[in-house]
PDB file of N, CA and C in Angstrom:
ATOM      1  N   MET A   1      -7.478  13.983 -12.065  1.00  0.00           N
ATOM      2  CA  MET A   1      -8.252  14.895 -12.862  1.00  0.00           C
ATOM      3  C   MET A   1      -8.438  16.182 -12.064  1.00  0.00           C
ATOM      4  N   LEU A   2      -8.136  17.307 -12.714  1.00  0.00           N
ATOM      5  CA  LEU A   2      -8.327  18.602 -12.074  1.00  0.00           C
ATOM      6  C   LEU A   2      -9.610  19.240 -12.578  1.00  0.00           C
ATOM      7  N   LEU A   3     -10.336  19.767 -11.667  1.00  0.00           N
ATOM      8  CA  LEU A   3     -11.562  20.480 -12.003  1.00  0.00           C
ATOM      9  C   LEU A   3     -11.330  21.969 -11.807  1.00  0.00           C
ATOM     10  N   PRO A   4     -12.130  22.831 -12.409  1.00  0.00           N
ATOM     11  CA  PRO A   4     -11.966  24.273 -12.210  1.00  0.00           C
ATOM     12  C   PRO A   4     -11.972  24.615 -10.723  1.00  0.00           C
ATOM     13  N   GLY A   5     -11.018  25.448 -10.313  1.00  0.00           N
ATOM     14  CA  GLY A   5     -10.918  25.864  -8.924  1.00  0.00           C
ATOM     15  C   GLY A   5     -10.015  24.992  -8.078  1.00  0.00           C
ATOM     16  N   LEU A   6      -9.550  23.860  -8.581  1.00  0.00           N
ATOM     17  CA  LEU A   6      -8.632  22.997  -7.844  1.00  0.00           C
ATOM     18  C   LEU A   6      -7.195  23.390  -8.168  1.00  0.00           C
ATOM     19  N   TYR A   7      -6.300  23.128  -7.245  1.00  0.00           N
ATOM     20  CA  TYR A   7      -4.900  23.483  -7.414  1.00  0.00           C
ATOM     21  C   TYR A   7      -4.027  22.242  -7.270  1.00  0.00           C
ATOM     22  N   VAL A   8      -2.868  22.316  -7.844  1.00  0.00           N
ATOM     23  CA  VAL A   8      -1.902  21.246  -7.734  1.00  0.00           C
ATOM     24  C   VAL A   8      -0.528  21.880  -7.523  1.00  0.00           C
ATOM     25  N   ARG A   9       0.301  21.188  -6.790  1.00  0.00           N
ATOM     26  CA  ARG A   9       1.677  21.639  -6.587  1.00  0.00           C
ATOM     27  C   ARG A   9       2.580  20.684  -7.352  1.00  0.00           C
ATOM     28  N   ALA A  10       3.406  21.224  -8.219  1.00  0.00           N
ATOM     29  CA  ALA A  10       4.282  20.380  -9.040  1.00  0.00           C
ATOM     30  C   ALA A  10       5.709  20.882  -8.940  1.00  0.00           C
ATOM     31  N   ARG A  11       6.643  19.973  -8.997  1.00  0.00           N
ATOM     32  CA  ARG A  11       8.061  20.315  -9.027  1.00  0.00           C
ATOM     33  C   ARG A  11       8.594  19.828 -10.364  1.00  0.00           C
ATOM     34  N   LEU A  12       9.014  20.778 -11.195  1.00  0.00           N
ATOM     35  CA  LEU A  12       9.487  20.457 -12.533  1.00  0.00           C
ATOM     36  C   LEU A  12      10.983  20.669 -12.626  1.00  0.00           C
ATOM     37  N   GLU A  13      11.660  19.760 -13.236  1.00  0.00           N
ATOM     38  CA  GLU A  13      13.088  19.897 -13.458  1.00  0.00           C
ATOM     39  C   GLU A  13      13.274  20.861 -14.617  1.00  0.00           C
ATOM     40  N   GLN A  14      14.039  21.946 -14.380  1.00  0.00           N
ATOM     41  CA  GLN A  14      14.200  22.949 -15.421  1.00  0.00           C
ATOM     42  C   GLN A  14      15.145  22.458 -16.510  1.00  0.00           C
ATOM     43  N   ALA A  15      16.400  22.443 -16.197  1.00  0.00           N
ATOM     44  CA  ALA A  15      17.398  21.999 -17.161  1.00  0.00           C
ATOM     45  C   ALA A  15      18.528  21.338 -16.395  1.00  0.00           C
ATOM     46  N   VAL A  16      19.144  20.395 -17.001  1.00  0.00           N
ATOM     47  CA  VAL A  16      20.253  19.700 -16.364  1.00  0.00           C
ATOM     48  C   VAL A  16      21.510  19.999 -17.158  1.00  0.00           C
ATOM     49  N   SER A  17      22.498  20.534 -16.470  1.00  0.00           N
ATOM     50  CA  SER A  17      23.785  20.800 -17.100  1.00  0.00           C
ATOM     51  C   SER A  17      24.794  19.837 -16.490  1.00  0.00           C
ATOM     52  N   GLU A  18      25.213  18.878 -17.284  1.00  0.00           N
ATOM     53  CA  GLU A  18      26.120  17.849 -16.794  1.00  0.00           C
ATOM     54  C   GLU A  18      27.483  18.409 -16.384  1.00  0.00           C
ATOM     55  N   ASN A  19      27.895  19.536 -16.968  1.00  0.00           N
ATOM     56  CA  ASN A  19      29.223  20.087 -16.707  1.00  0.00           C
ATOM     57  C   ASN A  19      29.218  21.216 -15.695  1.00  0.00           C
ATOM     58  N   ALA A  20      28.070  21.530 -15.113  1.00  0.00           N
ATOM     59  CA  ALA A  20      27.980  22.632 -14.158  1.00  0.00           C
ATOM     60  C   ALA A  20      28.582  22.224 -12.820  1.00  0.00           C
ATOM     61  N   ILE A  21      29.131  23.209 -12.129  1.00  0.00           N
ATOM     62  CA  ILE A  21      29.727  23.017 -10.813  1.00  0.00           C
ATOM     63  C   ILE A  21      29.079  24.022  -9.882  1.00  0.00           C
ATOM     64  N   THR A  22      28.747  23.609  -8.662  1.00  0.00           N
ATOM     65  CA  THR A  22      28.185  24.551  -7.703  1.00  0.00           C
ATOM     66  C   THR A  22      29.256  24.943  -6.694  1.00  0.00           C
ATOM     67  N   VAL A  23      29.242  26.213  -6.323  1.00  0.00           N
ATOM     68  CA  VAL A  23      30.175  26.735  -5.319  1.00  0.00           C
ATOM     69  C   VAL A  23      29.377  27.583  -4.331  1.00  0.00           C
ATOM     70  N   PRO A  24      29.875  27.742  -3.100  1.00  0.00           N
ATOM     71  CA  PRO A  24      29.170  28.596  -2.140  1.00  0.00           C
ATOM     72  C   PRO A  24      29.022  30.011  -2.694  1.00  0.00           C
ATOM     73  N   GLN A  25      27.898  30.651  -2.423  1.00  0.00           N
ATOM     74  CA  GLN A  25      27.657  31.988  -2.953  1.00  0.00           C
ATOM     75  C   GLN A  25      28.732  32.971  -2.516  1.00  0.00           C
ATOM     76  N   GLN A  26      29.270  32.810  -1.333  1.00  0.00           N
ATOM     77  CA  GLN A  26      30.277  33.746  -0.847  1.00  0.00           C
ATOM     78  C   GLN A  26      31.591  33.643  -1.617  1.00  0.00           C
ATOM     79  N   ALA A  27      31.798  32.574  -2.368  1.00  0.00           N
ATOM     80  CA  ALA A  27      33.045  32.411  -3.126  1.00  0.00           C
ATOM     81  C   ALA A  27      33.038  33.216  -4.425  1.00  0.00           C
ATOM     82  N   VAL A  28      31.863  33.596  -4.898  1.00  0.00           N
ATOM     83  CA  VAL A  28      31.752  34.310  -6.177  1.00  0.00           C
ATOM     84  C   VAL A  28      31.764  35.810  -5.929  1.00  0.00           C
ATOM     85  N   GLN A  29      32.638  36.489  -6.653  1.00  0.00           N
ATOM     86  CA  GLN A  29      32.736  37.943  -6.570  1.00  0.00           C
ATOM     87  C   GLN A  29      32.227  38.518  -7.881  1.00  0.00           C
ATOM     88  N   ARG A  30      31.464  39.590  -7.792  1.00  0.00           N
ATOM     89  CA  ARG A  30      30.915  40.224  -8.997  1.00  0.00           C
ATOM     90  C   ARG A  30      31.395  41.655  -9.085  1.00  0.00           C
ATOM     91  N   ASP A  31      31.724  42.069 -10.307  1.00  0.00           N
ATOM     92  CA  ASP A  31      32.067  43.461 -10.574  1.00  0.00           C
ATOM     93  C   ASP A  31      31.610  43.806 -11.980  1.00  0.00           C
ATOM     94  N   ALA A  32      32.055  44.929 -12.510  1.00  0.00           N
ATOM     95  CA  ALA A  32      31.608  45.378 -13.829  1.00  0.00           C
ATOM     96  C   ALA A  32      31.997  44.407 -14.945  1.00  0.00           C
ATOM     97  N   SER A  33      33.075  43.643 -14.753  1.00  0.00           N
ATOM     98  CA  SER A  33      33.518  42.710 -15.794  1.00  0.00           C
ATOM     99  C   SER A  33      32.824  41.353 -15.710  1.00  0.00           C
ATOM    100  N   GLY A  34      32.011  41.112 -14.670  1.00  0.00           N
ATOM    101  CA  GLY A  34      31.303  39.848 -14.532  1.00  0.00           C
ATOM    102  C   GLY A  34      31.632  39.152 -13.231  1.00  0.00           C
ATOM    103  N   ALA A  35      31.436  37.839 -13.213  1.00  0.00           N
ATOM    104  CA  ALA A  35      31.673  37.041 -12.010  1.00  0.00           C
ATOM    105  C   ALA A  35      33.056  36.402 -12.057  1.00  0.00           C
ATOM    106  N   SER A  36      33.662  36.251 -10.885  1.00  0.00           N
ATOM    107  CA  SER A  36      34.969  35.608 -10.793  1.00  0.00           C
ATOM    108  C   SER A  36      35.097  34.910  -9.450  1.00  0.00           C
ATOM    109  N   VAL A  37      36.045  33.985  -9.380  1.00  0.00           N
ATOM    110  CA  VAL A  37      36.376  33.285  -8.137  1.00  0.00           C
ATOM    111  C   VAL A  37      37.896  33.257  -8.011  1.00  0.00           C
ATOM    112  N   LEU A  38      38.360  33.054  -6.795  1.00  0.00           N
ATOM    113  CA  LEU A  38      39.788  32.857  -6.564  1.00  0.00           C
ATOM    114  C   LEU A  38      40.019  31.355  -6.482  1.00  0.00           C
ATOM    115  N   VAL A  39      40.973  30.851  -7.262  1.00  0.00           N
ATOM    116  CA  VAL A  39      41.301  29.429  -7.258  1.00  0.00           C
ATOM    117  C   VAL A  39      42.751  29.251  -6.831  1.00  0.00           C
ATOM    118  N   VAL A  40      43.037  28.071  -6.292  1.00  0.00           N
ATOM    119  CA  VAL A  40      44.397  27.728  -5.863  1.00  0.00           C
ATOM    120  C   VAL A  40      44.953  26.738  -6.866  1.00  0.00           C
ATOM    121  N   GLY A  41      46.078  27.076  -7.464  1.00  0.00           N
ATOM    122  CA  GLY A  41      46.720  26.205  -8.444  1.00  0.00           C
ATOM    123  C   GLY A  41      47.492  25.083  -7.778  1.00  0.00           C
ATOM    124  N   ALA A  42      48.063  24.198  -8.585  1.00  0.00           N
ATOM    125  CA  ALA A  42      48.838  23.065  -8.079  1.00  0.00           C
ATOM    126  C   ALA A  42      50.066  23.522  -7.306  1.00  0.00           C
ATOM    127  N   ASP A  43      50.587  24.716  -7.644  1.00  0.00           N
ATOM    128  CA  ASP A  43      51.764  25.254  -6.957  1.00  0.00           C
ATOM    129  C   ASP A  43      51.401  26.007  -5.688  1.00  0.00           C
ATOM    130  N   GLY A  44      50.107  26.071  -5.339  1.00  0.00           N
ATOM    131  CA  GLY A  44      49.666  26.761  -4.129  1.00  0.00           C
ATOM    132  C   GLY A  44      49.443  28.242  -4.317  1.00  0.00           C
ATOM    133  N   LYS A  45      49.585  28.740  -5.555  1.00  0.00           N
ATOM    134  CA  LYS A  45      49.399  30.162  -5.810  1.00  0.00           C
ATOM    135  C   LYS A  45      47.937  30.461  -6.149  1.00  0.00           C
ATOM    136  N   VAL A  46      47.491  31.621  -5.682  1.00  0.00           N
ATOM    137  CA  VAL A  46      46.123  32.072  -5.913  1.00  0.00           C
ATOM    138  C   VAL A  46      46.038  32.747  -7.272  1.00  0.00           C
ATOM    139  N   ALA A  47      44.957  32.457  -7.995  1.00  0.00           N
ATOM    140  CA  ALA A  47      44.717  33.086  -9.294  1.00  0.00           C
ATOM    141  C   ALA A  47      43.249  33.488  -9.374  1.00  0.00           C
ATOM    142  N   LEU A  48      42.994  34.588 -10.071  1.00  0.00           N
ATOM    143  CA  LEU A  48      41.630  35.047 -10.299  1.00  0.00           C
ATOM    144  C   LEU A  48      41.101  34.359 -11.549  1.00  0.00           C
ATOM    145  N   GLN A  49      39.930  33.722 -11.447  1.00  0.00           N
ATOM    146  CA  GLN A  49      39.351  32.989 -12.568  1.00  0.00           C
ATOM    147  C   GLN A  49      37.980  33.561 -12.893  1.00  0.00           C
ATOM    148  N   GLN A  50      37.801  34.022 -14.137  1.00  0.00           N
ATOM    149  CA  GLN A  50      36.492  34.500 -14.584  1.00  0.00           C
ATOM    150  C   GLN A  50      35.580  33.293 -14.774  1.00  0.00           C
ATOM    151  N   VAL A  51      34.329  33.405 -14.317  1.00  0.00           N
ATOM    152  CA  VAL A  51      33.365  32.318 -14.429  1.00  0.00           C
ATOM    153  C   VAL A  51      32.034  32.864 -14.931  1.00  0.00           C
ATOM    154  N   LYS A  52      31.180  31.951 -15.342  1.00  0.00           N
ATOM    155  CA  LYS A  52      29.822  32.308 -15.730  1.00  0.00           C
ATOM    156  C   LYS A  52      28.890  31.686 -14.697  1.00  0.00           C
ATOM    157  N   ALA A  53      28.332  32.538 -13.839  1.00  0.00           N
ATOM    158  CA  ALA A  53      27.414  32.090 -12.789  1.00  0.00           C
ATOM    159  C   ALA A  53      26.001  32.328 -13.292  1.00  0.00           C
ATOM    160  N   ASP A  54      25.388  31.267 -13.831  1.00  0.00           N
ATOM    161  CA  ASP A  54      24.073  31.387 -14.453  1.00  0.00           C
ATOM    162  C   ASP A  54      22.945  31.593 -13.465  1.00  0.00           C
ATOM    163  N   SER A  55      22.922  30.789 -12.435  1.00  0.00           N
ATOM    164  CA  SER A  55      21.795  30.825 -11.517  1.00  0.00           C
ATOM    165  C   SER A  55      22.248  30.351 -10.141  1.00  0.00           C
ATOM    166  N   SER A  56      21.342  30.435  -9.208  1.00  0.00           N
ATOM    167  CA  SER A  56      21.654  29.936  -7.870  1.00  0.00           C
ATOM    168  C   SER A  56      20.738  28.768  -7.548  1.00  0.00           C
ATOM    169  N   GLN A  57      21.230  27.927  -6.671  1.00  0.00           N
ATOM    170  CA  GLN A  57      20.465  26.781  -6.203  1.00  0.00           C
ATOM    171  C   GLN A  57      20.681  26.715  -4.700  1.00  0.00           C
ATOM    172  N   GLY A  58      19.687  27.139  -3.947  1.00  0.00           N
ATOM    173  CA  GLY A  58      19.846  27.224  -2.505  1.00  0.00           C
ATOM    174  C   GLY A  58      20.864  28.298  -2.167  1.00  0.00           C
ATOM    175  N   ASP A  59      21.897  27.941  -1.426  1.00  0.00           N
ATOM    176  CA  ASP A  59      22.938  28.899  -1.049  1.00  0.00           C
ATOM    177  C   ASP A  59      24.205  28.733  -1.896  1.00  0.00           C
ATOM    178  N   ARG A  60      24.057  28.219  -3.104  1.00  0.00           N
ATOM    179  CA  ARG A  60      25.207  27.986  -3.989  1.00  0.00           C
ATOM    180  C   ARG A  60      24.950  28.576  -5.370  1.00  0.00           C
ATOM    181  N   TRP A  61      26.024  29.016  -6.031  1.00  0.00           N
ATOM    182  CA  TRP A  61      25.949  29.478  -7.422  1.00  0.00           C
ATOM    183  C   TRP A  61      26.223  28.298  -8.338  1.00  0.00           C
ATOM    184  N   VAL A  62      25.514  28.239  -9.437  1.00  0.00           N
ATOM    185  CA  VAL A  62      25.744  27.222 -10.453  1.00  0.00           C
ATOM    186  C   VAL A  62      26.690  27.836 -11.481  1.00  0.00           C
ATOM    187  N   ILE A  63      27.892  27.281 -11.593  1.00  0.00           N
ATOM    188  CA  ILE A  63      28.922  27.787 -12.502  1.00  0.00           C
ATOM    189  C   ILE A  63      28.920  26.899 -13.748  1.00  0.00           C
ATOM    190  N   SER A  64      28.639  27.509 -14.912  1.00  0.00           N
ATOM    191  CA  SER A  64      28.567  26.722 -16.144  1.00  0.00           C
ATOM    192  C   SER A  64      29.849  26.818 -16.975  1.00  0.00           C
ATOM    193  N   GLU A  65      30.637  27.849 -16.759  1.00  0.00           N
ATOM    194  CA  GLU A  65      31.894  28.014 -17.505  1.00  0.00           C
ATOM    195  C   GLU A  65      32.954  28.616 -16.599  1.00  0.00           C
ATOM    196  N   GLY A  66      34.202  28.209 -16.801  1.00  0.00           N
ATOM    197  CA  GLY A  66      35.311  28.812 -16.086  1.00  0.00           C
ATOM    198  C   GLY A  66      35.953  27.917 -15.039  1.00  0.00           C
ATOM    199  N   LEU A  67      35.261  26.878 -14.593  1.00  0.00           N
ATOM    200  CA  LEU A  67      35.822  25.941 -13.623  1.00  0.00           C
ATOM    201  C   LEU A  67      35.760  24.535 -14.185  1.00  0.00           C
ATOM    202  N   LYS A  68      36.676  23.713 -13.705  1.00  0.00           N
ATOM    203  CA  LYS A  68      36.646  22.297 -14.091  1.00  0.00           C
ATOM    204  C   LYS A  68      36.690  21.458 -12.823  1.00  0.00           C
ATOM    205  N   PRO A  69      36.260  20.208 -12.898  1.00  0.00           N
ATOM    206  CA  PRO A  69      36.281  19.358 -11.705  1.00  0.00           C
ATOM    207  C   PRO A  69      37.686  19.299 -11.103  1.00  0.00           C
ATOM    208  N   GLY A  70      37.755  19.420  -9.795  1.00  0.00           N
ATOM    209  CA  GLY A  70      39.038  19.363  -9.099  1.00  0.00           C
ATOM    210  C   GLY A  70      39.631  20.727  -8.793  1.00  0.00           C
ATOM    211  N   ASP A  71      39.096  21.805  -9.376  1.00  0.00           N
ATOM    212  CA  ASP A  71      39.594  23.144  -9.059  1.00  0.00           C
ATOM    213  C   ASP A  71      39.318  23.451  -7.594  1.00  0.00           C
ATOM    214  N   LYS A  72      40.274  24.086  -6.933  1.00  0.00           N
ATOM    215  CA  LYS A  72      40.120  24.460  -5.533  1.00  0.00           C
ATOM    216  C   LYS A  72      39.731  25.930  -5.485  1.00  0.00           C
ATOM    217  N   VAL A  73      38.497  26.181  -5.076  1.00  0.00           N
ATOM    218  CA  VAL A  73      37.949  27.535  -5.022  1.00  0.00           C
ATOM    219  C   VAL A  73      38.034  28.044  -3.588  1.00  0.00           C
ATOM    220  N   ILE A  74      38.459  29.285  -3.428  1.00  0.00           N
ATOM    221  CA  ILE A  74      38.563  29.884  -2.099  1.00  0.00           C
ATOM    222  C   ILE A  74      37.188  30.412  -1.693  1.00  0.00           C
ATOM    223  N   ALA A  75      36.714  29.964  -0.523  1.00  0.00           N
ATOM    224  CA  ALA A  75      35.401  30.378  -0.023  1.00  0.00           C
ATOM    225  C   ALA A  75      35.510  31.302   1.185  1.00  0.00           C
ATOM    226  N   GLU A  76      36.647  31.318   1.855  1.00  0.00           N
ATOM    227  CA  GLU A  76      36.865  32.184   3.022  1.00  0.00           C
ATOM    228  C   GLU A  76      38.303  32.668   3.023  1.00  0.00           C
ATOM    229  N   GLY A  77      38.535  33.800   3.679  1.00  0.00           N
ATOM    230  CA  GLY A  77      39.887  34.324   3.813  1.00  0.00           C
ATOM    231  C   GLY A  77      40.321  35.203   2.657  1.00  0.00           C
ATOM    232  N   PHE A  78      39.373  35.917   2.058  1.00  0.00           N
ATOM    233  CA  PHE A  78      39.693  36.762   0.901  1.00  0.00           C
ATOM    234  C   PHE A  78      40.658  37.895   1.256  1.00  0.00           C
ATOM    235  N   GLN A  79      40.681  38.313   2.522  1.00  0.00           N
ATOM    236  CA  GLN A  79      41.546  39.410   2.928  1.00  0.00           C
ATOM    237  C   GLN A  79      43.020  39.054   2.751  1.00  0.00           C
ATOM    238  N   LYS A  80      43.351  37.800   2.952  1.00  0.00           N
ATOM    239  CA  LYS A  80      44.744  37.360   2.863  1.00  0.00           C
ATOM    240  C   LYS A  80      45.073  36.724   1.520  1.00  0.00           C
ATOM    241  N   ALA A  81      44.067  36.283   0.790  1.00  0.00           N
ATOM    242  CA  ALA A  81      44.298  35.569  -0.471  1.00  0.00           C
ATOM    243  C   ALA A  81      44.161  36.531  -1.643  1.00  0.00           C
ATOM    244  N   LYS A  82      45.261  37.010  -2.125  1.00  0.00           N
ATOM    245  CA  LYS A  82      45.297  37.895  -3.291  1.00  0.00           C
ATOM    246  C   LYS A  82      45.956  37.145  -4.444  1.00  0.00           C
ATOM    247  N   PRO A  83      45.591  37.458  -5.690  1.00  0.00           N
ATOM    248  CA  PRO A  83      46.228  36.782  -6.831  1.00  0.00           C
ATOM    249  C   PRO A  83      47.751  36.846  -6.742  1.00  0.00           C
ATOM    250  N   GLY A  84      48.398  35.688  -6.881  1.00  0.00           N
ATOM    251  CA  GLY A  84      49.852  35.585  -6.804  1.00  0.00           C
ATOM    252  C   GLY A  84      50.357  35.144  -5.447  1.00  0.00           C
ATOM    253  N   ALA A  85      49.527  35.250  -4.404  1.00  0.00           N
ATOM    254  CA  ALA A  85      49.944  34.847  -3.061  1.00  0.00           C
ATOM    255  C   ALA A  85      49.993  33.320  -2.977  1.00  0.00           C
ATOM    256  N   VAL A  86      50.887  32.814  -2.127  1.00  0.00           N
ATOM    257  CA  VAL A  86      50.986  31.374  -1.900  1.00  0.00           C
ATOM    258  C   VAL A  86      50.171  31.049  -0.652  1.00  0.00           C
ATOM    259  N   VAL A  87      49.270  30.072  -0.784  1.00  0.00           N
ATOM    260  CA  VAL A  87      48.398  29.694   0.334  1.00  0.00           C
ATOM    261  C   VAL A  87      48.423  28.188   0.530  1.00  0.00           C
ATOM    262  N   LYS A  88      47.955  27.772   1.698  1.00  0.00           N
ATOM    263  CA  LYS A  88      47.803  26.345   1.985  1.00  0.00           C
ATOM    264  C   LYS A  88      46.301  26.096   2.124  1.00  0.00           C
ATOM    265  N   PRO A  89      45.677  25.482   1.113  1.00  0.00           N
ATOM    266  CA  PRO A  89      44.226  25.283   1.182  1.00  0.00           C
ATOM    267  C   PRO A  89      43.834  24.200   2.185  1.00  0.00           C
ATOM    268  N   VAL A  90      42.689  24.420   2.820  1.00  0.00           N
ATOM    269  CA  VAL A  90      42.094  23.430   3.709  1.00  0.00           C
ATOM    270  C   VAL A  90      40.647  23.238   3.282  1.00  0.00           C
ATOM    271  N   PRO A  91      40.083  22.052   3.494  1.00  0.00           N
ATOM    272  CA  PRO A  91      38.684  21.829   3.098  1.00  0.00           C
ATOM    273  C   PRO A  91      37.752  22.800   3.815  1.00  0.00           C
ATOM    274  N   TRP A  92      36.748  23.263   3.092  1.00  0.00           N
ATOM    275  CA  TRP A  92      35.772  24.204   3.629  1.00  0.00           C
ATOM    276  C   TRP A  92      34.599  23.451   4.210  1.00  0.00           C
ATOM    277  N   LYS A  93      34.128  23.900   5.365  1.00  0.00           N
ATOM    278  CA  LYS A  93      32.946  23.306   5.984  1.00  0.00           C
ATOM    279  C   LYS A  93      31.844  24.356   5.980  1.00  0.00           C
ATOM    280  N   ALA A  94      30.695  23.994   5.448  1.00  0.00           N
ATOM    281  CA  ALA A  94      29.552  24.901   5.437  1.00  0.00           C
ATOM    282  C   ALA A  94      29.096  25.145   6.863  1.00  0.00           C
ATOM    283  N   PRO A  95      28.729  26.384   7.180  1.00  0.00           N
ATOM    284  CA  PRO A  95      28.231  26.643   8.530  1.00  0.00           C
ATOM    285  C   PRO A  95      26.939  25.876   8.772  1.00  0.00           C
ATOM    286  N   GLU A  96      26.811  25.345   9.965  1.00  0.00           N
ATOM    287  CA  GLU A  96      25.608  24.585  10.299  1.00  0.00           C
ATOM    288  C   GLU A  96      24.478  25.553  10.636  1.00  0.00           C
ATOM    289  N   ALA A  97      23.287  25.186  10.235  1.00  0.00           N
ATOM    290  CA  ALA A  97      22.127  26.001  10.570  1.00  0.00           C
ATOM    291  C   ALA A  97      21.867  25.885  12.064  1.00  0.00           C
ATOM    292  N   PRO A  98      21.544  27.009  12.714  1.00  0.00           N
ATOM    293  CA  PRO A  98      21.276  26.928  14.144  1.00  0.00           C
ATOM    294  C   PRO A  98      20.041  26.075  14.413  1.00  0.00           C
ATOM    295  N   THR A  99      20.144  25.251  15.424  1.00  0.00           N
ATOM    296  CA  THR A  99      19.009  24.403  15.776  1.00  0.00           C
ATOM    297  C   THR A  99      18.209  25.091  16.863  1.00  0.00           C
ATOM    298  N   ALA A 100      16.918  25.038  16.743  1.00  0.00           N
ATOM    299  CA  ALA A 100      16.050  25.657  17.733  1.00  0.00           C
ATOM    300  C   ALA A 100      15.888  24.717  18.919  1.00  0.00           C
ATOM    301  N   LYS A 101      16.166  25.242  20.093  1.00  0.00           N
ATOM    302  CA  LYS A 101      16.006  24.437  21.292  1.00  0.00           C
ATOM    303  C   LYS A 101      14.562  24.556  21.765  1.00  0.00           C
ATOM    304  N   ALA A 102      14.057  23.462  22.276  1.00  0.00           N
ATOM    305  CA  ALA A 102      12.719  23.479  22.846  1.00  0.00           C
ATOM    306  C   ALA A 102      12.773  24.270  24.149  1.00  0.00           C
ATOM    307  N   PRO A 103      11.766  25.088  24.416  1.00  0.00           N
ATOM    308  CA  PRO A 103      11.778  25.854  25.660  1.00  0.00           C
ATOM    309  C   PRO A 103      11.729  24.922  26.870  1.00  0.00           C
ATOM    310  N   GLN A 104      12.541  25.249  27.853  1.00  0.00           N
ATOM    311  CA  GLN A 104      12.598  24.456  29.070  1.00  0.00           C
ATOM    312  C   GLN A 104      11.538  24.950  30.049  1.00  0.00           C
ATOM    313  N   PRO A 105      10.864  24.058  30.738  1.00  0.00           N
ATOM    314  CA  PRO A 105       9.869  24.502  31.726  1.00  0.00           C
ATOM    315  C   PRO A 105      10.568  25.233  32.867  1.00  0.00           C
ATOM    316  N   GLU A 106       9.889  26.221  33.382  1.00  0.00           N
ATOM    317  CA  GLU A 106      10.473  27.001  34.485  1.00  0.00           C
ATOM    318  C   GLU A 106      10.513  26.164  35.737  1.00  0.00           C
ATOM    319  N   GLN A 107      11.585  26.307  36.487  1.00  0.00           N
ATOM    320  CA  GLN A 107      11.738  25.617  37.748  1.00  0.00           C
ATOM    321  C   GLN A 107      11.161  26.490  38.858  1.00  0.00           C
ATOM    322  N   LYS A 108      10.312  25.925  39.675  1.00  0.00           N
ATOM    323  CA  LYS A 108       9.747  26.683  40.792  1.00  0.00           C
ATOM    324  C   LYS A 108      10.579  26.395  42.030  1.00  0.00           C
ATOM    325  N   SER A 109      10.906  27.468  42.737  1.00  0.00           N
ATOM    326  CA  SER A 109      11.675  27.282  43.970  1.00  0.00           C
ATOM    327  C   SER A 109      10.724  27.077  45.133  1.00  0.00           C
ATOM    328  N   LYS A 110      11.162  26.305  46.104  1.00  0.00           N
ATOM    329  CA  LYS A 110      10.313  26.015  47.281  1.00  0.00           C
ATOM    330  C   LYS A 110      10.610  26.936  48.398  1.00  0.00           C
TER     331      LYS A 110
END
């Protein structure tokens, strides 16, 4: 029971999209025509794919249209990956967050 002046913290699920796919934010490019990603086809060729990036979740974009499960999205190496180029995709690893080291006690010299 809440009384006047009391507060509560709640986490509510907004909406669930069963067909949405998340991709790293750096993989999505935006311009005047909308959002797009570079994908690698079965033949190893790069293609530009228009997508609908509705919202973000943490450090990822939620893509509701334009991608299907199994699509290989390019997240790094945009300088070399141009539409029509042949590439060899490798799995992407998210950068690890830096861990804070505990300060070491100073050593006194004798």
